[in-house]
Amino acid sequence: MKDDLKLVKDTETNLPGCINRRQFLFYSAGAVSTLALSSVFGASSALAAEALFAEYPSKKLASLSDLNQDQPIDFLYPNDDPTYAQCVLVKLGEKAGGGVGPDQDIVAFSSLCTHMGGLLGRSYKEEHKVLGPCPSHLTTFDLTRHGMVVAGHAVESLPQIVLEMKGNDIYATGVAGLIFGGAKNPGM
């Protein structure tokens, strides 16, 4: 009886065109990896890169002398619509991703949560250098790391306002990321 079972088992695995479960999982993982990498490095990545960064006319936000550490300044950008373009500029006092100024610690972000558009407003916490929690679902964003999500429901970082220094003046020149509320940023 054992020999019969062994014969059946050997016959099943040695049939032409048949694969065992281990081979199936191995080949499936390879196919999924190939598809994922082709979508990241393929033609679609060029379109995605365009959507991540939008240039706008330069707008003066403040001068270095106007800024005090850990005291945010509210402004509207990329347009003047207060329901859509609320942003915050802050001198963090420590180097930050995308930061400008002598210490690379001046950053700006959209004040709309990327989860459902909750207004983050004056929720800056200086001891942790974060913006939030959002009043809707408690998402909090790290301003030293390009606005990445620290906690909460959002899965995307806050859109970072691209800043430039011209002498002692700080200008907004673009938006890195998609501002909540549309399929594309305004004016694109």
C-alpha atoms as a PDB file:
ATOM      1  CA  MET A   1       0.000   0.000   0.000  1.00  0.00           C
ATOM      2  CA  LYS A   2       2.854   2.446   0.849  1.00  0.00           C
ATOM      3  CA  ASP A   3       4.528   1.665  -2.464  1.00  0.00           C
ATOM      4  CA  ASP A   4       1.311   2.465  -4.318  1.00  0.00           C
ATOM      5  CA  LEU A   5       1.074   5.868  -2.602  1.00  0.00           C
ATOM      6  CA  LYS A   6       4.695   6.636  -3.393  1.00  0.00           C
ATOM      7  CA  LEU A   7       4.166   5.726  -7.027  1.00  0.00           C
ATOM      8  CA  VAL A   8       1.103   8.007  -7.294  1.00  0.00           C
ATOM      9  CA  LYS A   9       2.914  10.886  -5.591  1.00  0.00           C
ATOM     10  CA  ASP A  10       5.973  10.590  -7.863  1.00  0.00           C
ATOM     11  CA  THR A  11       3.787  10.356 -10.953  1.00  0.00           C
ATOM     12  CA  GLU A  12       1.848  13.517 -10.017  1.00  0.00           C
ATOM     13  CA  THR A  13       4.906  15.719  -9.513  1.00  0.00           C
ATOM     14  CA  ASN A  14       6.797  14.499 -12.564  1.00  0.00           C
ATOM     15  CA  LEU A  15       4.057  15.134 -15.117  1.00  0.00           C
ATOM     16  CA  PRO A  16       5.120  17.561 -17.833  1.00  0.00           C
ATOM     17  CA  GLY A  17       3.706  21.069 -17.304  1.00  0.00           C
ATOM     18  CA  CYS A  18       2.851  20.544 -13.625  1.00  0.00           C
ATOM     19  CA  ILE A  19       4.425  22.490 -10.789  1.00  0.00           C
ATOM     20  CA  ASN A  20       4.247  21.947  -7.072  1.00  0.00           C
ATOM     21  CA  ARG A  21       2.986  24.485  -4.551  1.00  0.00           C
ATOM     22  CA  ARG A  22       6.472  25.771  -3.670  1.00  0.00           C
ATOM     23  CA  GLN A  23       7.277  26.420  -7.329  1.00  0.00           C
ATOM     24  CA  PHE A  24       3.911  28.123  -7.847  1.00  0.00           C
ATOM     25  CA  LEU A  25       4.528  30.528  -4.929  1.00  0.00           C
ATOM     26  CA  PHE A  26       8.099  31.217  -6.086  1.00  0.00           C
ATOM     27  CA  TYR A  27       7.036  32.018  -9.665  1.00  0.00           C
ATOM     28  CA  SER A  28       4.056  34.094  -8.485  1.00  0.00           C
ATOM     29  CA  ALA A  29       6.264  36.209  -6.228  1.00  0.00           C
ATOM     30  CA  GLY A  30       8.616  36.820  -9.135  1.00  0.00           C
ATOM     31  CA  ALA A  31       5.766  37.880 -11.416  1.00  0.00           C
ATOM     32  CA  VAL A  32       4.315  40.273  -8.824  1.00  0.00           C
ATOM     33  CA  SER A  33       7.763  41.795  -8.170  1.00  0.00           C
ATOM     34  CA  THR A  34       8.335  42.291 -11.885  1.00  0.00           C
ATOM     35  CA  LEU A  35       4.984  44.029 -12.331  1.00  0.00           C
ATOM     36  CA  ALA A  36       5.567  46.268  -9.318  1.00  0.00           C
ATOM     37  CA  LEU A  37       9.024  47.310 -10.492  1.00  0.00           C
ATOM     38  CA  SER A  38       7.848  47.960 -14.048  1.00  0.00           C
ATOM     39  CA  SER A  39       5.135  50.291 -12.758  1.00  0.00           C
ATOM     40  CA  VAL A  40       7.648  52.158 -10.591  1.00  0.00           C
ATOM     41  CA  PHE A  41      10.345  52.490 -13.255  1.00  0.00           C
ATOM     42  CA  GLY A  42       8.186  52.313 -16.363  1.00  0.00           C
ATOM     43  CA  ALA A  43       6.433  55.013 -18.377  1.00  0.00           C
ATOM     44  CA  SER A  44       3.888  55.696 -15.651  1.00  0.00           C
ATOM     45  CA  SER A  45       6.599  56.985 -13.293  1.00  0.00           C
ATOM     46  CA  ALA A  46       7.244  59.984 -15.557  1.00  0.00           C
ATOM     47  CA  LEU A  47       3.595  61.010 -15.226  1.00  0.00           C
ATOM     48  CA  ALA A  48       3.644  60.476 -11.466  1.00  0.00           C
ATOM     49  CA  ALA A  49       6.727  62.681 -11.080  1.00  0.00           C
ATOM     50  CA  GLU A  50       4.932  65.530 -12.847  1.00  0.00           C
ATOM     51  CA  ALA A  51       2.028  65.305 -10.436  1.00  0.00           C
ATOM     52  CA  LEU A  52       4.265  65.485  -7.364  1.00  0.00           C
ATOM     53  CA  PHE A  53       5.706  68.933  -8.008  1.00  0.00           C
ATOM     54  CA  ALA A  54       3.992  72.052  -9.291  1.00  0.00           C
ATOM     55  CA  GLU A  55       5.700  75.389  -9.949  1.00  0.00           C
ATOM     56  CA  TYR A  56       3.832  78.631  -9.336  1.00  0.00           C
ATOM     57  CA  PRO A  57       4.676  82.314  -9.531  1.00  0.00           C
ATOM     58  CA  SER A  58       7.052  83.359  -6.793  1.00  0.00           C
ATOM     59  CA  LYS A  59       5.358  84.909  -3.734  1.00  0.00           C
ATOM     60  CA  LYS A  60       7.172  86.700  -0.919  1.00  0.00           C
ATOM     61  CA  LEU A  61       6.189  85.215   2.444  1.00  0.00           C
ATOM     62  CA  ALA A  62       8.449  86.876   5.008  1.00  0.00           C
ATOM     63  CA  SER A  63      11.916  88.141   5.818  1.00  0.00           C
ATOM     64  CA  LEU A  64      14.330  86.386   8.150  1.00  0.00           C
ATOM     65  CA  SER A  65      13.839  89.202  10.667  1.00  0.00           C
ATOM     66  CA  ASP A  66      10.060  88.465  10.736  1.00  0.00           C
ATOM     67  CA  LEU A  67      10.610  84.913  11.978  1.00  0.00           C
ATOM     68  CA  ASN A  68      10.880  83.731  15.563  1.00  0.00           C
ATOM     69  CA  GLN A  69      11.712  80.127  16.328  1.00  0.00           C
ATOM     70  CA  ASP A  70       8.638  77.895  16.783  1.00  0.00           C
ATOM     71  CA  GLN A  71       6.164  80.695  15.987  1.00  0.00           C
ATOM     72  CA  PRO A  72       4.273  79.759  12.807  1.00  0.00           C
ATOM     73  CA  ILE A  73       3.132  82.342  10.266  1.00  0.00           C
ATOM     74  CA  ASP A  74      -0.042  81.612   8.287  1.00  0.00           C
ATOM     75  CA  PHE A  75      -0.251  82.469   4.574  1.00  0.00           C
ATOM     76  CA  LEU A  76      -2.227  81.565   1.446  1.00  0.00           C
ATOM     77  CA  TYR A  77      -0.530  79.699  -1.414  1.00  0.00           C
ATOM     78  CA  PRO A  78      -0.629  78.816  -4.353  1.00  0.00           C
ATOM     79  CA  ASN A  79      -3.681  81.050  -4.754  1.00  0.00           C
ATOM     80  CA  ASP A  80      -5.687  83.314  -2.429  1.00  0.00           C
ATOM     81  CA  ASP A  81      -8.605  80.942  -1.755  1.00  0.00           C
ATOM     82  CA  PRO A  82      -8.843  80.677   2.074  1.00  0.00           C
ATOM     83  CA  THR A  83     -10.726  77.355   1.896  1.00  0.00           C
ATOM     84  CA  TYR A  84      -8.057  75.677  -0.186  1.00  0.00           C
ATOM     85  CA  ALA A  85      -4.702  77.438   0.071  1.00  0.00           C
ATOM     86  CA  GLN A  86      -4.042  77.757   3.799  1.00  0.00           C
ATOM     87  CA  CYS A  87      -0.393  77.170   4.632  1.00  0.00           C
ATOM     88  CA  VAL A  88       2.026  77.613   7.504  1.00  0.00           C
ATOM     89  CA  LEU A  89       5.636  78.835   7.556  1.00  0.00           C
ATOM     90  CA  VAL A  90       7.779  78.004  10.581  1.00  0.00           C
ATOM     91  CA  LYS A  91      11.386  78.343  11.723  1.00  0.00           C
ATOM     92  CA  LEU A  92      11.972  75.034  13.513  1.00  0.00           C
ATOM     93  CA  GLY A  93      15.345  75.673  15.108  1.00  0.00           C
ATOM     94  CA  GLU A  94      16.749  72.416  13.729  1.00  0.00           C
ATOM     95  CA  LYS A  95      17.687  71.280  10.232  1.00  0.00           C
ATOM     96  CA  ALA A  96      14.703  70.012   8.258  1.00  0.00           C
ATOM     97  CA  GLY A  97      14.124  68.268   4.942  1.00  0.00           C
ATOM     98  CA  GLY A  98      13.548  70.945   2.313  1.00  0.00           C
ATOM     99  CA  GLY A  99      14.497  73.646   4.807  1.00  0.00           C
ATOM    100  CA  VAL A 100      15.988  76.990   3.721  1.00  0.00           C
ATOM    101  CA  GLY A 101      17.852  79.733   5.496  1.00  0.00           C
ATOM    102  CA  PRO A 102      21.251  79.807   7.196  1.00  0.00           C
ATOM    103  CA  ASP A 103      20.380  76.797   9.379  1.00  0.00           C
ATOM    104  CA  GLN A 104      18.140  75.047   6.797  1.00  0.00           C
ATOM    105  CA  ASP A 105      15.362  75.115   9.410  1.00  0.00           C
ATOM    106  CA  ILE A 106      12.677  77.230   7.714  1.00  0.00           C
ATOM    107  CA  VAL A 107       9.892  75.150   6.145  1.00  0.00           C
ATOM    108  CA  ALA A 108       6.347  75.641   4.899  1.00  0.00           C
ATOM    109  CA  PHE A 109       3.457  73.232   4.410  1.00  0.00           C
ATOM    110  CA  SER A 110      -0.183  73.132   3.400  1.00  0.00           C
ATOM    111  CA  SER A 111      -2.415  73.301   6.479  1.00  0.00           C
ATOM    112  CA  LEU A 112      -4.968  70.853   5.056  1.00  0.00           C
ATOM    113  CA  CYS A 113      -4.708  67.274   6.301  1.00  0.00           C
ATOM    114  CA  THR A 114      -4.134  64.832   3.436  1.00  0.00           C
ATOM    115  CA  HIS A 115      -6.657  62.356   4.855  1.00  0.00           C
ATOM    116  CA  MET A 116      -9.921  64.311   4.622  1.00  0.00           C
ATOM    117  CA  GLY A 117      -8.891  67.950   4.421  1.00  0.00           C
ATOM    118  CA  GLY A 118      -9.183  68.837   8.107  1.00  0.00           C
ATOM    119  CA  LEU A 119      -7.675  72.227   8.882  1.00  0.00           C
ATOM    120  CA  LEU A 120      -4.517  71.812  10.937  1.00  0.00           C
ATOM    121  CA  GLY A 121      -4.314  75.566  11.566  1.00  0.00           C
ATOM    122  CA  ARG A 122      -2.443  76.489  14.761  1.00  0.00           C
ATOM    123  CA  SER A 123      -1.794  72.912  15.889  1.00  0.00           C
ATOM    124  CA  TYR A 124       2.009  73.188  15.732  1.00  0.00           C
ATOM    125  CA  LYS A 125       3.724  71.426  18.651  1.00  0.00           C
ATOM    126  CA  GLU A 126       7.186  72.957  19.122  1.00  0.00           C
ATOM    127  CA  GLU A 127       8.546  70.254  21.447  1.00  0.00           C
ATOM    128  CA  HIS A 128       8.113  67.592  18.734  1.00  0.00           C
ATOM    129  CA  LYS A 129       8.281  69.796  15.594  1.00  0.00           C
ATOM    130  CA  VAL A 130       4.975  68.386  14.347  1.00  0.00           C
ATOM    131  CA  LEU A 131       1.761  69.815  12.928  1.00  0.00           C
ATOM    132  CA  GLY A 132      -1.374  68.230  14.324  1.00  0.00           C
ATOM    133  CA  PRO A 133      -3.261  66.368  15.441  1.00  0.00           C
ATOM    134  CA  CYS A 134      -5.908  66.999  12.810  1.00  0.00           C
ATOM    135  CA  PRO A 135      -9.251  67.754  14.484  1.00  0.00           C
ATOM    136  CA  SER A 136     -11.025  65.212  12.263  1.00  0.00           C
ATOM    137  CA  HIS A 137      -9.041  62.002  12.730  1.00  0.00           C
ATOM    138  CA  LEU A 138      -5.956  62.950  14.778  1.00  0.00           C
ATOM    139  CA  THR A 139      -3.302  62.678  12.058  1.00  0.00           C
ATOM    140  CA  THR A 140       0.000  64.322  12.998  1.00  0.00           C
ATOM    141  CA  PHE A 141       2.807  65.298  10.588  1.00  0.00           C
ATOM    142  CA  ASP A 142       6.587  65.628  11.193  1.00  0.00           C
ATOM    143  CA  LEU A 143       7.810  68.958   9.798  1.00  0.00           C
ATOM    144  CA  THR A 144      11.489  68.010  10.024  1.00  0.00           C
ATOM    145  CA  ARG A 145      10.961  65.074   7.631  1.00  0.00           C
ATOM    146  CA  HIS A 146       9.112  66.607   4.690  1.00  0.00           C
ATOM    147  CA  GLY A 147       5.748  66.499   6.496  1.00  0.00           C
ATOM    148  CA  MET A 148       5.573  62.705   6.771  1.00  0.00           C
ATOM    149  CA  VAL A 149       2.786  61.087   8.789  1.00  0.00           C
ATOM    150  CA  VAL A 150       3.690  60.392  12.422  1.00  0.00           C
ATOM    151  CA  ALA A 151       0.322  59.039  13.541  1.00  0.00           C
ATOM    152  CA  GLY A 152      -3.286  58.966  12.375  1.00  0.00           C
ATOM    153  CA  HIS A 153      -5.327  57.972   9.340  1.00  0.00           C
ATOM    154  CA  ALA A 154      -3.523  59.901   6.571  1.00  0.00           C
ATOM    155  CA  VAL A 155      -1.268  57.888   4.289  1.00  0.00           C
ATOM    156  CA  GLU A 156       0.371  60.800   2.443  1.00  0.00           C
ATOM    157  CA  SER A 157       2.757  63.453   3.700  1.00  0.00           C
ATOM    158  CA  LEU A 158       1.656  67.064   3.911  1.00  0.00           C
ATOM    159  CA  PRO A 159       2.333  68.944   0.678  1.00  0.00           C
ATOM    160  CA  GLN A 160       5.507  70.935   1.258  1.00  0.00           C
ATOM    161  CA  ILE A 161       5.729  74.462  -0.076  1.00  0.00           C
ATOM    162  CA  VAL A 162       8.992  74.873  -1.996  1.00  0.00           C
ATOM    163  CA  LEU A 163      10.895  77.843  -0.586  1.00  0.00           C
ATOM    164  CA  GLU A 164      13.724  80.001  -1.935  1.00  0.00           C
ATOM    165  CA  MET A 165      15.864  82.625  -0.252  1.00  0.00           C
ATOM    166  CA  LYS A 166      16.606  85.894  -2.060  1.00  0.00           C
ATOM    167  CA  GLY A 167      18.801  87.890   0.253  1.00  0.00           C
ATOM    168  CA  ASN A 168      16.906  87.956   3.576  1.00  0.00           C
ATOM    169  CA  ASP A 169      13.532  87.363   1.937  1.00  0.00           C
ATOM    170  CA  ILE A 170      11.733  84.019   1.803  1.00  0.00           C
ATOM    171  CA  TYR A 171       9.670  83.189  -1.286  1.00  0.00           C
ATOM    172  CA  ALA A 172       7.279  80.352  -2.090  1.00  0.00           C
ATOM    173  CA  THR A 173       7.905  78.996  -5.602  1.00  0.00           C
ATOM    174  CA  GLY A 174       6.033  75.699  -5.820  1.00  0.00           C
ATOM    175  CA  VAL A 175       4.259  72.824  -4.111  1.00  0.00           C
ATOM    176  CA  ALA A 176       5.737  69.348  -3.628  1.00  0.00           C
ATOM    177  CA  GLY A 177       2.753  67.031  -3.292  1.00  0.00           C
ATOM    178  CA  LEU A 178      -0.971  67.159  -3.927  1.00  0.00           C
ATOM    179  CA  ILE A 179      -2.989  69.617  -1.852  1.00  0.00           C
ATOM    180  CA  PHE A 180      -6.174  68.028  -0.510  1.00  0.00           C
ATOM    181  CA  GLY A 181      -9.344  68.728  -2.487  1.00  0.00           C
ATOM    182  CA  GLY A 182      -8.694  67.849  -6.088  1.00  0.00           C
ATOM    183  CA  ALA A 183      -7.104  65.585  -8.647  1.00  0.00           C
ATOM    184  CA  LYS A 184      -4.446  68.219  -9.303  1.00  0.00           C
ATOM    185  CA  ASN A 185      -3.192  71.382  -7.667  1.00  0.00           C
ATOM    186  CA  PRO A 186      -4.846  74.651  -8.753  1.00  0.00           C
ATOM    187  CA  GLY A 187      -3.545  76.266 -11.912  1.00  0.00           C
ATOM    188  CA  MET A 188      -2.014  73.058 -13.267  1.00  0.00           C
END
